[in-house]
Amino acid sequence: MFGTLGGPEVILILVIALIVFGPRRLPEIGKSMGKMLAEFRKASNDFKRTIEDEIEAENRKEPEPPRTALAEPPASSVATATPESTAVAPQSTTPDGLSAPPAIAYTPPPWTPAAAPAEAPPPPVVAPEEVIVSREPPAEKK
């Protein structure tokens, strides 16, 4: 529908602009349109450059070392093992008579969060006693 503008279309637009704005204002409008297009190009180039710089900065970052799933917790958070907290399954043997590696039971970490303390209910709101608000002016005393 809106393809490229050819020669006849540009001439028609210029003639309509000349009729609407007049010969005195047409150069001013052309100058302001040129400045506007230059500012738009500058802004779009700055935006494009910023995006490209961000992409390059992201590519230059060193990849993080892979995290191991079996990382040991800090020594301060390790609890001493008690016979009740450590459970080990008995070794089972395979049909060939070879022993299988022992199965280790799951023990919860010692740093499990405690239950949150219950909040006390807010105190009840008591209405003031016998407050009467009247919009009428006070009666004069006789």
Protein backbone atom coordinates (compact mmCIF):
# COMPACT_ATOMS: atom_id res chain seq x y z
CA MET A 1 0.00 0.00 0.00
CA PHE A 2 2.73 2.49 0.99
CA GLY A 3 5.54 1.58 -1.36
CA THR A 4 8.49 3.76 -2.25
CA LEU A 5 7.79 7.32 -3.29
CA GLY A 6 8.48 8.05 -6.91
CA GLY A 7 9.10 11.36 -8.68
CA PRO A 8 5.46 12.26 -9.36
CA GLU A 9 4.45 11.58 -5.74
CA VAL A 10 7.23 13.80 -4.35
CA ILE A 11 6.28 16.64 -6.74
CA LEU A 12 2.62 16.34 -5.69
CA ILE A 13 3.55 16.50 -1.98
CA LEU A 14 5.75 19.57 -2.57
CA VAL A 15 2.98 21.36 -4.52
CA ILE A 16 0.46 20.65 -1.73
CA ALA A 17 2.95 21.87 0.90
CA LEU A 18 3.58 25.04 -1.15
CA ILE A 19 -0.15 25.72 -1.35
CA VAL A 20 -0.79 25.00 2.35
CA PHE A 21 2.22 26.74 3.92
CA GLY A 22 3.07 29.35 1.31
CA PRO A 23 6.41 30.26 -0.28
CA ARG A 24 7.71 32.16 2.78
CA ARG A 25 7.29 29.40 5.36
CA LEU A 26 8.34 26.47 3.14
CA PRO A 27 12.14 27.00 3.59
CA GLU A 28 11.70 27.29 7.39
CA ILE A 29 9.71 24.07 7.48
CA GLY A 30 12.31 22.29 5.33
CA LYS A 31 15.10 23.47 7.64
CA SER A 32 13.27 22.32 10.77
CA MET A 33 12.45 18.96 9.14
CA GLY A 34 16.13 18.48 8.26
CA LYS A 35 17.20 19.23 11.85
CA MET A 36 14.55 16.86 13.17
CA LEU A 37 15.73 14.04 10.89
CA ALA A 38 19.37 14.64 11.86
CA GLU A 39 18.49 14.46 15.58
CA PHE A 40 16.47 11.30 14.99
CA ARG A 41 19.38 9.64 13.17
CA LYS A 42 21.78 10.67 15.94
CA ALA A 43 19.47 9.25 18.63
CA SER A 44 18.98 5.99 16.75
CA ASN A 45 22.74 5.61 16.19
CA ASP A 46 23.41 6.27 19.89
CA PHE A 47 20.81 3.68 20.84
CA LYS A 48 22.27 1.16 18.40
CA ARG A 49 25.80 1.80 19.70
CA THR A 50 24.65 1.38 23.31
CA ILE A 51 22.99 -1.96 22.54
CA GLU A 52 26.07 -3.20 20.68
CA ASP A 53 28.34 -2.15 23.57
CA GLU A 54 26.16 -4.02 26.06
CA ILE A 55 26.24 -7.15 23.90
CA GLU A 56 30.04 -6.96 23.61
CA ALA A 57 30.39 -6.44 27.36
CA GLU A 58 28.21 -9.48 28.01
CA ASN A 59 30.29 -11.59 25.61
CA ARG A 60 33.56 -10.46 27.24
CA LYS A 61 32.52 -11.59 30.70
CA GLU A 62 34.33 -14.68 31.88
CA PRO A 63 32.05 -17.67 32.30
CA GLU A 64 31.37 -18.54 35.91
CA PRO A 65 32.97 -21.74 37.18
CA PRO A 66 30.48 -24.59 37.31
CA ARG A 67 28.90 -25.08 40.69
CA THR A 68 29.26 -28.48 42.24
CA ALA A 69 26.22 -30.11 43.75
CA LEU A 70 28.25 -31.75 46.51
CA ALA A 71 29.85 -28.60 47.89
CA GLU A 72 30.49 -28.86 51.60
CA PRO A 73 28.75 -26.35 53.88
CA PRO A 74 30.88 -24.05 56.06
CA ALA A 75 32.38 -25.60 59.17
CA SER A 76 30.27 -23.43 61.48
CA SER A 77 27.02 -24.87 60.11
CA VAL A 78 28.08 -28.53 60.31
CA ALA A 79 26.52 -30.25 63.31
CA THR A 80 28.16 -33.11 65.11
CA ALA A 81 26.77 -36.44 64.04
CA THR A 82 24.82 -38.42 66.58
CA PRO A 83 23.72 -42.01 66.24
CA GLU A 84 20.10 -40.85 66.03
CA SER A 85 20.69 -38.30 63.26
CA THR A 86 22.81 -40.49 60.97
CA ALA A 87 21.09 -43.47 59.45
CA VAL A 88 22.83 -45.88 57.10
CA ALA A 89 21.06 -48.65 55.25
CA PRO A 90 22.57 -52.11 55.58
CA GLN A 91 24.70 -53.36 52.70
CA SER A 92 22.96 -55.63 50.27
CA THR A 93 24.61 -58.24 48.16
CA THR A 94 24.06 -58.83 44.49
CA PRO A 95 23.35 -62.27 43.04
CA ASP A 96 27.00 -62.59 42.03
CA GLY A 97 28.05 -62.31 45.65
CA LEU A 98 29.49 -58.83 45.16
CA SER A 99 28.56 -56.25 47.71
CA ALA A 100 26.76 -53.12 46.52
CA PRO A 101 27.81 -49.69 47.74
CA PRO A 102 25.98 -48.60 50.88
CA ALA A 103 22.87 -46.49 50.50
CA ILE A 104 22.92 -43.27 52.49
CA ALA A 105 19.71 -42.04 54.08
CA TYR A 106 18.76 -38.39 53.80
CA THR A 107 19.25 -36.24 56.87
CA PRO A 108 17.80 -32.73 56.95
CA PRO A 109 20.28 -29.89 57.22
CA PRO A 110 20.87 -28.57 60.74
CA TRP A 111 20.00 -25.02 59.72
CA THR A 112 16.30 -25.58 59.01
CA PRO A 113 14.35 -22.43 59.81
CA ALA A 114 12.38 -22.35 63.03
CA ALA A 115 8.66 -21.74 63.00
CA ALA A 116 7.77 -18.08 62.83
CA PRO A 117 6.48 -16.66 66.11
CA ALA A 118 2.75 -16.06 66.17
CA GLU A 119 1.74 -12.42 66.13
CA ALA A 120 -0.56 -11.14 68.82
CA PRO A 121 -3.95 -9.94 67.58
CA PRO A 122 -4.37 -6.16 67.53
CA PRO A 123 -6.21 -4.61 70.48
CA PRO A 124 -9.93 -3.97 69.95
CA VAL A 125 -11.01 -0.51 68.87
CA VAL A 126 -13.38 1.21 71.28
CA ALA A 127 -15.66 4.03 70.12
CA PRO A 128 -15.64 7.26 72.14
CA GLU A 129 -18.52 7.81 74.52
CA GLU A 130 -21.45 10.05 73.55
CA VAL A 131 -19.88 12.22 70.91
CA ILE A 132 -22.57 14.04 68.96
CA VAL A 133 -21.68 16.05 65.91
CA SER A 134 -24.22 18.54 64.66
CA ARG A 135 -24.02 20.60 61.52
CA GLU A 136 -26.49 23.15 62.82
CA PRO A 137 -25.20 26.29 64.50
CA PRO A 138 -25.34 26.16 68.29
CA ALA A 139 -28.59 27.38 69.79
CA GLU A 140 -28.45 30.71 71.55
CA LYS A 141 -29.11 30.73 75.26
CA LYS A 142 -31.86 33.03 76.50
